[in-house]
């Protein structure tokens, strides 16, 4: 079965998500404040903190998609989100959205497609127009968990080199996360 089309209008997607959340019987006004703050008052410092420290059980994929689509999203922020989305997980499916969509677990499919599309968007932008803002540092080995790139390369060959590009592993020089200032309106509990 063919997967649903990719939505690349991330402003509309965030607004739709916010509207859907408001319609829920168990709607939390804090969610409304958080998403409105993100859309209207946040900036690159906030996005980098969310990317670095945010627990993906609490930070919705639509938020991450919105962040990486911003014109002034920092390259290190995009890389942090890219690698936290676990692109190596998708090597088993040969990067096929339709194959992901055919999985019987519907909760899994929805989340897997969101992450798959997020990974694809970041990679396409990285090698296309790029991320011009480069103020923060990123180093895969320092900032994330160990990954066996060499073994994955041996097992999956060219597919691994395409899907886990060495150009996106850093290091990028810049401001360390511990030195990124927080902004007014941000709440630590939003990180999960």
Protein backbone atom coordinates (compact mmCIF):
# COMPACT_ATOMS: atom_id res chain seq x y z
CA UNK A 1 0.00 0.00 0.00
CA UNK A 2 1.29 3.45 -0.91
CA UNK A 3 2.22 5.73 1.98
CA UNK A 4 0.39 9.04 2.37
CA UNK A 5 2.10 12.00 0.69
CA UNK A 6 4.72 13.98 2.56
CA UNK A 7 3.52 17.32 3.95
CA UNK A 8 6.22 19.99 3.67
CA UNK A 9 4.14 22.95 4.85
CA UNK A 10 5.40 22.79 8.40
CA UNK A 11 3.74 26.04 9.52
CA UNK A 12 0.35 24.68 8.50
CA UNK A 13 1.18 21.31 10.04
CA UNK A 14 2.02 22.93 13.39
CA UNK A 15 -1.17 25.02 13.28
CA UNK A 16 -3.25 21.93 12.44
CA UNK A 17 -1.66 20.03 15.30
CA UNK A 18 -2.40 22.91 17.69
CA UNK A 19 -6.05 23.01 16.53
CA UNK A 20 -6.36 19.24 16.99
CA UNK A 21 -4.90 19.47 20.50
CA UNK A 22 -7.37 22.22 21.44
CA UNK A 23 -10.27 19.99 20.33
CA UNK A 24 -9.30 17.14 22.63
CA UNK A 25 -11.47 16.58 25.70
CA UNK A 26 -8.31 16.27 27.80
CA UNK A 27 -6.65 19.35 26.29
CA UNK A 28 -3.99 20.86 28.53
CA UNK A 29 -3.79 24.68 28.25
CA UNK A 30 -0.05 24.31 28.90
CA UNK A 31 0.26 22.59 25.51
CA UNK A 32 -1.46 25.56 23.89
CA UNK A 33 0.94 27.99 25.57
CA UNK A 34 3.99 25.86 24.70
CA UNK A 35 3.14 25.47 21.02
CA UNK A 36 2.10 29.11 20.65
CA UNK A 37 5.31 30.21 22.37
CA UNK A 38 7.32 27.97 20.04
CA UNK A 39 5.66 29.37 16.93
CA UNK A 40 5.57 33.03 17.93
CA UNK A 41 8.45 33.75 20.32
CA UNK A 42 11.11 31.06 20.22
CA UNK A 43 14.37 31.27 18.32
CA UNK A 44 17.53 29.35 17.40
CA UNK A 45 18.79 29.12 21.01
CA UNK A 46 15.53 27.54 22.14
CA UNK A 47 15.42 25.16 19.20
CA UNK A 48 18.95 23.98 19.91
CA UNK A 49 18.10 23.30 23.57
CA UNK A 50 14.97 21.37 22.51
CA UNK A 51 17.01 19.35 19.99
CA UNK A 52 19.72 18.56 22.49
CA UNK A 53 17.76 17.89 25.68
CA UNK A 54 14.20 17.20 24.55
CA UNK A 55 12.75 13.79 25.37
CA UNK A 56 11.11 12.49 22.20
CA UNK A 57 8.27 11.06 24.28
CA UNK A 58 7.25 14.67 25.01
CA UNK A 59 8.50 16.67 22.04
CA UNK A 60 6.15 15.94 19.15
CA UNK A 61 7.59 15.15 15.69
CA UNK A 62 5.66 18.13 14.27
CA UNK A 63 7.67 20.41 16.59
CA UNK A 64 10.95 18.93 15.37
CA UNK A 65 9.83 19.21 11.74
CA UNK A 66 8.87 22.83 12.29
CA UNK A 67 12.26 23.61 13.89
CA UNK A 68 14.37 22.12 11.08
CA UNK A 69 12.28 23.92 8.47
CA UNK A 70 13.05 27.38 9.89
CA UNK A 71 15.31 29.50 7.70
CA UNK A 72 17.53 30.33 10.69
CA UNK A 73 17.73 26.81 12.13
CA UNK A 74 21.36 26.16 13.06
CA UNK A 75 23.24 23.38 11.28
CA UNK A 76 24.13 21.76 14.64
CA UNK A 77 20.45 21.77 15.66
CA UNK A 78 19.47 20.04 12.42
CA UNK A 79 22.20 17.43 12.88
CA UNK A 80 21.19 16.74 16.48
CA UNK A 81 17.59 16.14 15.38
CA UNK A 82 18.69 14.08 12.35
CA UNK A 83 20.77 11.66 14.42
CA UNK A 84 18.28 11.44 17.29
CA UNK A 85 15.69 10.33 14.74
CA UNK A 86 17.85 7.17 14.32
CA UNK A 87 18.34 7.03 10.55
CA UNK A 88 20.22 3.74 11.00
CA UNK A 89 16.91 2.13 12.05
CA UNK A 90 15.58 2.62 8.51
CA UNK A 91 18.43 0.75 6.81
CA UNK A 92 16.43 -2.46 7.25
CA UNK A 93 13.60 -1.09 5.08
CA UNK A 94 15.87 0.20 2.31
CA UNK A 95 14.46 3.68 2.91
CA UNK A 96 11.08 2.86 1.44
CA UNK A 97 8.13 4.87 2.81
CA UNK A 98 5.65 2.49 1.24
CA UNK A 99 7.25 -0.51 2.97
CA UNK A 100 7.05 1.32 6.30
CA UNK A 101 3.39 2.06 5.62
CA UNK A 102 2.63 -1.65 5.13
CA UNK A 103 3.57 -2.52 8.72
CA UNK A 104 0.59 -3.95 10.62
CA UNK A 105 1.19 -1.85 13.78
CA UNK A 106 -0.63 1.42 12.96
CA UNK A 107 0.84 3.34 15.92
CA UNK A 108 4.29 2.32 14.73
CA UNK A 109 3.54 3.31 11.13
CA UNK A 110 2.47 6.83 11.98
CA UNK A 111 5.52 7.51 14.14
CA UNK A 112 7.92 5.76 11.76
CA UNK A 113 6.67 7.79 8.79
CA UNK A 114 6.98 11.05 10.77
CA UNK A 115 10.59 10.24 11.70
CA UNK A 116 11.40 8.94 8.22
CA UNK A 117 10.11 12.15 6.65
CA UNK A 118 12.00 14.24 9.19
CA UNK A 119 15.25 12.42 8.33
CA UNK A 120 14.63 12.81 4.60
CA UNK A 121 13.83 16.51 4.91
CA UNK A 122 17.00 17.26 6.88
CA UNK A 123 19.21 15.24 4.55
CA UNK A 124 17.71 16.83 1.43
CA UNK A 125 18.12 20.32 2.85
CA UNK A 126 21.67 19.57 4.08
CA UNK A 127 22.81 18.63 0.57
CA UNK A 128 20.57 21.22 -1.12
CA UNK A 129 20.22 24.74 0.20
CA UNK A 130 21.86 23.75 3.47
CA UNK A 131 21.66 25.24 6.92
CA UNK A 132 23.40 28.60 6.70
CA UNK A 133 23.45 29.43 10.41
CA UNK A 134 26.45 27.78 12.07
CA UNK A 135 26.81 29.15 15.60
CA UNK A 136 26.57 25.95 17.67
CA UNK A 137 28.93 23.02 17.87
CA UNK A 138 28.09 19.44 17.00
CA UNK A 139 30.22 16.33 17.24
CA UNK A 140 28.49 12.99 16.86
CA UNK A 141 31.01 11.21 19.09
CA UNK A 142 30.72 13.80 21.87
CA UNK A 143 27.03 14.72 21.69
CA UNK A 144 25.30 11.40 21.03
CA UNK A 145 25.56 7.67 21.70
CA UNK A 146 28.06 5.27 20.12
CA UNK A 147 27.20 4.06 16.64
CA UNK A 148 28.92 1.34 14.66
CA UNK A 149 29.15 3.18 11.33
CA UNK A 150 31.87 0.87 10.04
CA UNK A 151 29.84 -2.31 10.69
CA UNK A 152 26.71 -0.70 9.22
CA UNK A 153 28.75 0.27 6.14
CA UNK A 154 29.98 -3.29 5.73
CA UNK A 155 26.49 -4.74 6.14
CA UNK A 156 24.50 -2.26 4.02
CA UNK A 157 27.17 -0.88 1.67
CA UNK A 158 26.23 2.10 -0.46
CA UNK A 159 22.79 2.34 1.16
CA UNK A 160 24.45 3.03 4.54
CA UNK A 161 26.77 5.63 3.03
CA UNK A 162 23.79 7.39 1.46
CA UNK A 163 21.49 7.17 4.47
CA UNK A 164 24.15 7.87 7.16
CA UNK A 165 26.34 10.41 5.34
CA UNK A 166 29.76 11.04 6.80
CA UNK A 167 29.36 14.75 5.94
CA UNK A 168 26.58 14.94 8.53
CA UNK A 169 28.54 13.53 11.46
CA UNK A 170 30.52 16.68 12.20
CA UNK A 171 32.40 17.95 13.94
CA UNK A 172 31.08 21.48 13.60
CA UNK A 173 32.90 24.12 15.63
CA UNK A 174 30.86 26.58 17.66
CA UNK A 175 29.18 27.31 20.96
CA UNK A 176 28.81 24.30 23.26
CA UNK A 177 25.32 23.42 24.50
CA UNK A 178 26.23 24.30 28.09
CA UNK A 179 26.84 27.89 26.94
CA UNK A 180 23.57 28.34 25.00
CA UNK A 181 21.40 30.87 26.85
CA UNK A 182 17.78 30.03 27.55
CA UNK A 183 15.09 32.47 26.60
CA UNK A 184 12.21 34.08 28.43
CA UNK A 185 9.08 31.98 28.45
CA UNK A 186 10.86 28.63 28.19
CA UNK A 187 10.06 26.01 30.83
CA UNK A 188 12.42 23.15 31.67
CA UNK A 189 9.54 20.68 32.13
CA UNK A 190 8.78 20.96 28.40
CA UNK A 191 11.82 18.79 27.74
CA UNK A 192 10.20 15.76 29.38
